Amino acid sequence: MRLLPGHLDLAAQRALRDRIHALLAEAPLYRPTMPGGDKTMSVRMSNCGPLGWLTDRAGYRYADRHPETGRPWPAIPDALIALRDTVTGLPYRPEACLINRYDAGSRLGLHVDQDEGDFSAPVVSVSLGDQALFRVGGATRKHPTRSLRLSSGDVVVLEGESRLWFHGVDRIYPGTSTLLEGGGRLNLTLRRVTTAPSG
């Protein structure tokens, strides 16, 4: 796992925030349901890219359309593609960018990103807005965890062995950033879903 603190300066954060807000006008945030029941997540979600990650009563999966509007997801912004290229050095494009919106009381339990068909491709995560307490463990839930605070502009890369580590967000620290109107945090997670091209 690599942490790149302050990878995006304030101007880049503002530009990316504005682009994401424009995308959310096309693909609105919604509150997803956990598989097998009626429990909803505390995090609101959307996506951009050819594919988007979903969770509902039927389970976890990727789909090419917004579950509420039925429209295709908007394209991943060029700035995010360029960022991902820079921090990974890989020539092929991500296929999904999950947009998570955390409010003051939101959290995300320990989980592994494993609904993709190719685990060799890194997952790149970008933080915008209020600080978050990020917790990361290992390949099993029994592995010891450690916590670190992620700030606006930070980038985390899960690659190699860490690609399948358990991780989550324990809490948000309200008032630690003025980037988002009304506070809160946006997390942008870039993923390759299908097998990455070789070479």
Protein backbone atom coordinates (compact mmCIF):
# COMPACT_ATOMS: atom_id res chain seq x y z
CA MET A 1 0.00 0.00 0.00
CA ARG A 2 1.21 3.48 -0.86
CA LEU A 3 -0.02 6.71 0.73
CA LEU A 4 0.68 9.86 -1.29
CA PRO A 5 -0.15 12.72 1.12
CA GLY A 6 -1.18 16.01 -0.45
CA HIS A 7 -0.81 14.64 -3.97
CA LEU A 8 -3.45 17.10 -5.22
CA ASP A 9 -2.90 20.76 -4.41
CA LEU A 10 -5.84 22.99 -3.51
CA ALA A 11 -6.40 24.21 -7.06
CA ALA A 12 -6.51 20.64 -8.35
CA GLN A 13 -8.86 19.62 -5.53
CA ARG A 14 -11.26 22.44 -6.37
CA ALA A 15 -11.22 21.62 -10.08
CA LEU A 16 -11.88 17.94 -9.38
CA ARG A 17 -14.63 18.77 -6.88
CA ASP A 18 -16.40 20.90 -9.46
CA ARG A 19 -16.11 18.18 -12.09
CA ILE A 20 -17.51 15.54 -9.73
CA HIS A 21 -20.41 17.80 -8.75
CA ALA A 22 -21.24 18.20 -12.44
CA LEU A 23 -21.16 14.41 -12.88
CA LEU A 24 -23.48 13.95 -9.91
CA ALA A 25 -26.07 16.11 -11.68
CA GLU A 26 -26.12 13.36 -14.35
CA ALA A 27 -25.72 10.39 -12.00
CA PRO A 28 -27.19 11.43 -8.63
CA LEU A 29 -25.99 10.07 -5.33
CA TYR A 30 -28.23 7.36 -3.91
CA ARG A 31 -28.23 5.32 -0.69
CA PRO A 32 -27.56 1.66 -1.57
CA THR A 33 -29.09 -1.35 0.16
CA MET A 34 -27.02 -4.19 1.60
CA PRO A 35 -27.49 -7.66 0.06
CA GLY A 36 -30.24 -9.90 1.36
CA GLY A 37 -32.26 -7.36 3.33
CA ASP A 38 -33.46 -3.80 3.77
CA LYS A 39 -30.45 -2.34 5.60
CA THR A 40 -29.05 0.71 3.84
CA MET A 41 -25.48 1.96 3.94
CA SER A 42 -24.55 5.18 5.72
CA VAL A 43 -22.51 6.20 2.67
CA ARG A 44 -24.23 7.58 -0.43
CA MET A 45 -22.84 6.44 -3.78
CA SER A 46 -22.61 7.04 -7.48
CA ASN A 47 -20.17 6.08 -10.25
CA CYS A 48 -18.55 7.24 -13.44
CA GLY A 49 -16.95 5.23 -16.20
CA PRO A 50 -18.16 2.40 -18.47
CA LEU A 51 -19.04 0.35 -15.37
CA GLY A 52 -20.26 1.21 -11.89
CA TRP A 53 -20.18 -0.78 -8.67
CA LEU A 54 -23.58 -1.52 -7.09
CA THR A 55 -24.97 -3.18 -4.01
CA ASP A 56 -28.63 -4.04 -3.43
CA ARG A 57 -30.72 -6.94 -2.15
CA ALA A 58 -29.47 -9.10 -5.03
CA GLY A 59 -25.81 -8.67 -4.09
CA TYR A 60 -22.61 -6.91 -5.17
CA ARG A 61 -21.82 -6.41 -8.84
CA TYR A 62 -20.87 -4.02 -11.63
CA ALA A 63 -23.41 -2.61 -14.07
CA ASP A 64 -23.32 -0.15 -16.94
CA ARG A 65 -26.30 1.96 -15.77
CA HIS A 66 -27.41 3.96 -12.75
CA PRO A 67 -29.85 1.84 -10.71
CA GLU A 68 -32.35 4.67 -10.22
CA THR A 69 -32.18 6.72 -13.44
CA GLY A 70 -31.47 3.81 -15.81
CA ARG A 71 -28.99 6.00 -17.69
CA PRO A 72 -25.38 5.06 -18.53
CA TRP A 73 -22.77 6.34 -16.11
CA PRO A 74 -20.93 9.51 -17.21
CA ALA A 75 -17.32 9.23 -18.33
CA ILE A 76 -14.43 9.29 -15.88
CA PRO A 77 -12.89 12.80 -15.91
CA ASP A 78 -9.61 13.13 -17.81
CA ALA A 79 -7.95 14.54 -14.68
CA LEU A 80 -8.66 11.30 -12.80
CA ILE A 81 -7.40 9.19 -15.69
CA ALA A 82 -4.19 11.24 -15.73
CA LEU A 83 -3.80 10.96 -11.95
CA ARG A 84 -4.20 7.20 -12.09
CA ASP A 85 -1.69 6.96 -14.93
CA THR A 86 0.81 9.06 -12.97
CA VAL A 87 0.63 7.14 -9.69
CA THR A 88 0.57 3.64 -11.23
CA GLY A 89 2.60 4.04 -14.43
CA LEU A 90 0.17 1.69 -16.18
CA PRO A 91 -0.99 2.34 -19.76
CA TYR A 92 -4.52 0.90 -19.62
CA ARG A 93 -7.56 2.78 -18.39
CA PRO A 94 -9.66 2.14 -15.31
CA GLU A 95 -13.22 1.06 -16.10
CA ALA A 96 -14.98 2.27 -12.97
CA CYS A 97 -14.75 5.15 -10.54
CA LEU A 98 -16.88 4.66 -7.44
CA ILE A 99 -17.94 7.96 -5.86
CA ASN A 100 -18.63 7.68 -2.12
CA ARG A 101 -20.13 10.62 -0.23
CA TYR A 102 -19.49 10.55 3.52
CA ASP A 103 -21.43 12.80 5.86
CA ALA A 104 -20.50 13.44 9.50
CA GLY A 105 -21.87 10.13 10.78
CA SER A 106 -20.94 7.94 7.81
CA ARG A 107 -18.60 4.98 8.03
CA LEU A 108 -17.61 2.00 5.91
CA GLY A 109 -16.87 -1.35 7.56
CA LEU A 110 -13.82 -3.45 6.83
CA HIS A 111 -14.08 -5.02 3.39
CA VAL A 112 -12.05 -6.20 0.42
CA ASP A 113 -12.56 -4.96 -3.14
CA GLN A 114 -13.01 -8.34 -4.82
CA ASP A 115 -15.87 -8.03 -7.30
CA GLU A 116 -13.42 -7.35 -10.12
CA GLY A 117 -12.14 -9.90 -12.62
CA ASP A 118 -8.50 -8.83 -12.34
CA PHE A 119 -6.77 -8.33 -9.00
CA SER A 120 -3.41 -7.49 -10.61
CA ALA A 121 -4.62 -3.96 -11.40
CA PRO A 122 -4.18 -1.45 -8.54
CA VAL A 123 -7.04 0.35 -6.84
CA VAL A 124 -6.44 4.11 -6.60
CA SER A 125 -8.36 6.12 -4.00
CA VAL A 126 -8.61 9.93 -3.88
CA SER A 127 -9.83 11.90 -0.84
CA LEU A 128 -11.63 15.26 -1.10
CA GLY A 129 -13.04 17.22 1.83
CA ASP A 130 -13.06 16.41 5.55
CA GLN A 131 -10.45 14.12 7.04
CA ALA A 132 -11.31 10.44 7.50
CA LEU A 133 -9.93 7.77 9.82
CA PHE A 134 -8.90 5.04 7.40
CA ARG A 135 -8.24 1.57 8.80
CA VAL A 136 -6.30 -1.09 6.93
CA GLY A 137 -5.49 -4.67 7.87
CA GLY A 138 -4.33 -7.67 5.91
CA ALA A 139 -5.57 -10.59 3.87
CA THR A 140 -7.96 -11.85 6.58
CA ARG A 141 -10.28 -10.20 9.09
CA LYS A 142 -8.10 -11.58 11.90
CA HIS A 143 -5.05 -9.67 10.70
CA PRO A 144 -4.05 -6.72 12.95
CA THR A 145 -5.16 -3.35 11.65
CA ARG A 146 -3.65 0.11 11.76
CA SER A 147 -5.32 3.47 11.30
CA LEU A 148 -4.30 6.69 9.61
CA ARG A 149 -6.00 10.00 8.94
CA LEU A 150 -6.58 10.82 5.29
CA SER A 151 -6.80 14.49 4.34
CA SER A 152 -8.17 16.26 1.29
CA GLY A 153 -5.85 15.74 -1.66
CA ASP A 154 -4.37 12.49 -0.34
CA VAL A 155 -4.14 9.47 -2.65
CA VAL A 156 -3.92 5.82 -1.56
CA VAL A 157 -2.79 3.05 -3.93
CA LEU A 158 -3.64 -0.57 -3.10
CA GLU A 159 -1.44 -2.75 -5.27
CA GLY A 160 0.36 -6.05 -5.15
CA GLU A 161 -0.35 -7.91 -1.91
CA SER A 162 -2.25 -4.92 -0.48
CA ARG A 163 -4.73 -5.05 -3.36
CA LEU A 164 -6.72 -7.63 -1.37
CA TRP A 165 -6.22 -6.22 2.12
CA PHE A 166 -9.23 -5.47 4.31
CA HIS A 167 -9.82 -1.75 4.74
CA GLY A 168 -12.56 0.67 5.80
CA VAL A 169 -13.43 4.11 7.14
CA ASP A 170 -14.16 4.34 10.87
CA ARG A 171 -15.15 7.97 11.08
CA ILE A 172 -15.20 11.41 9.49
CA TYR A 173 -13.76 14.50 11.22
CA PRO A 174 -16.26 17.33 10.55
CA GLY A 175 -14.87 20.81 10.03
CA THR A 176 -11.38 19.71 8.96
CA SER A 177 -11.85 21.01 5.40
CA THR A 178 -13.80 23.78 3.68
CA LEU A 179 -13.56 22.20 0.23
CA LEU A 180 -17.11 20.81 0.17
CA GLU A 181 -20.04 23.09 0.88
CA GLY A 182 -21.67 21.86 4.08
CA GLY A 183 -18.70 19.65 4.93
CA GLY A 184 -18.30 15.92 4.45
CA ARG A 185 -15.98 13.86 2.29
CA LEU A 186 -15.90 12.56 -1.25
CA ASN A 187 -13.86 9.45 -1.96
CA LEU A 188 -13.12 8.51 -5.56
CA THR A 189 -11.99 4.92 -6.13
CA LEU A 190 -10.60 4.02 -9.55
CA ARG A 191 -10.73 0.34 -10.50
CA ARG A 192 -10.08 -1.99 -13.40
CA VAL A 193 -12.99 -4.46 -13.57
CA THR A 194 -12.12 -6.81 -16.46
CA THR A 195 -8.74 -8.37 -17.23
CA ALA A 196 -6.19 -5.67 -17.96
CA PRO A 197 -4.43 -5.72 -21.34
CA SER A 198 -0.94 -7.20 -21.25
CA GLY A 199 2.11 -5.36 -22.44
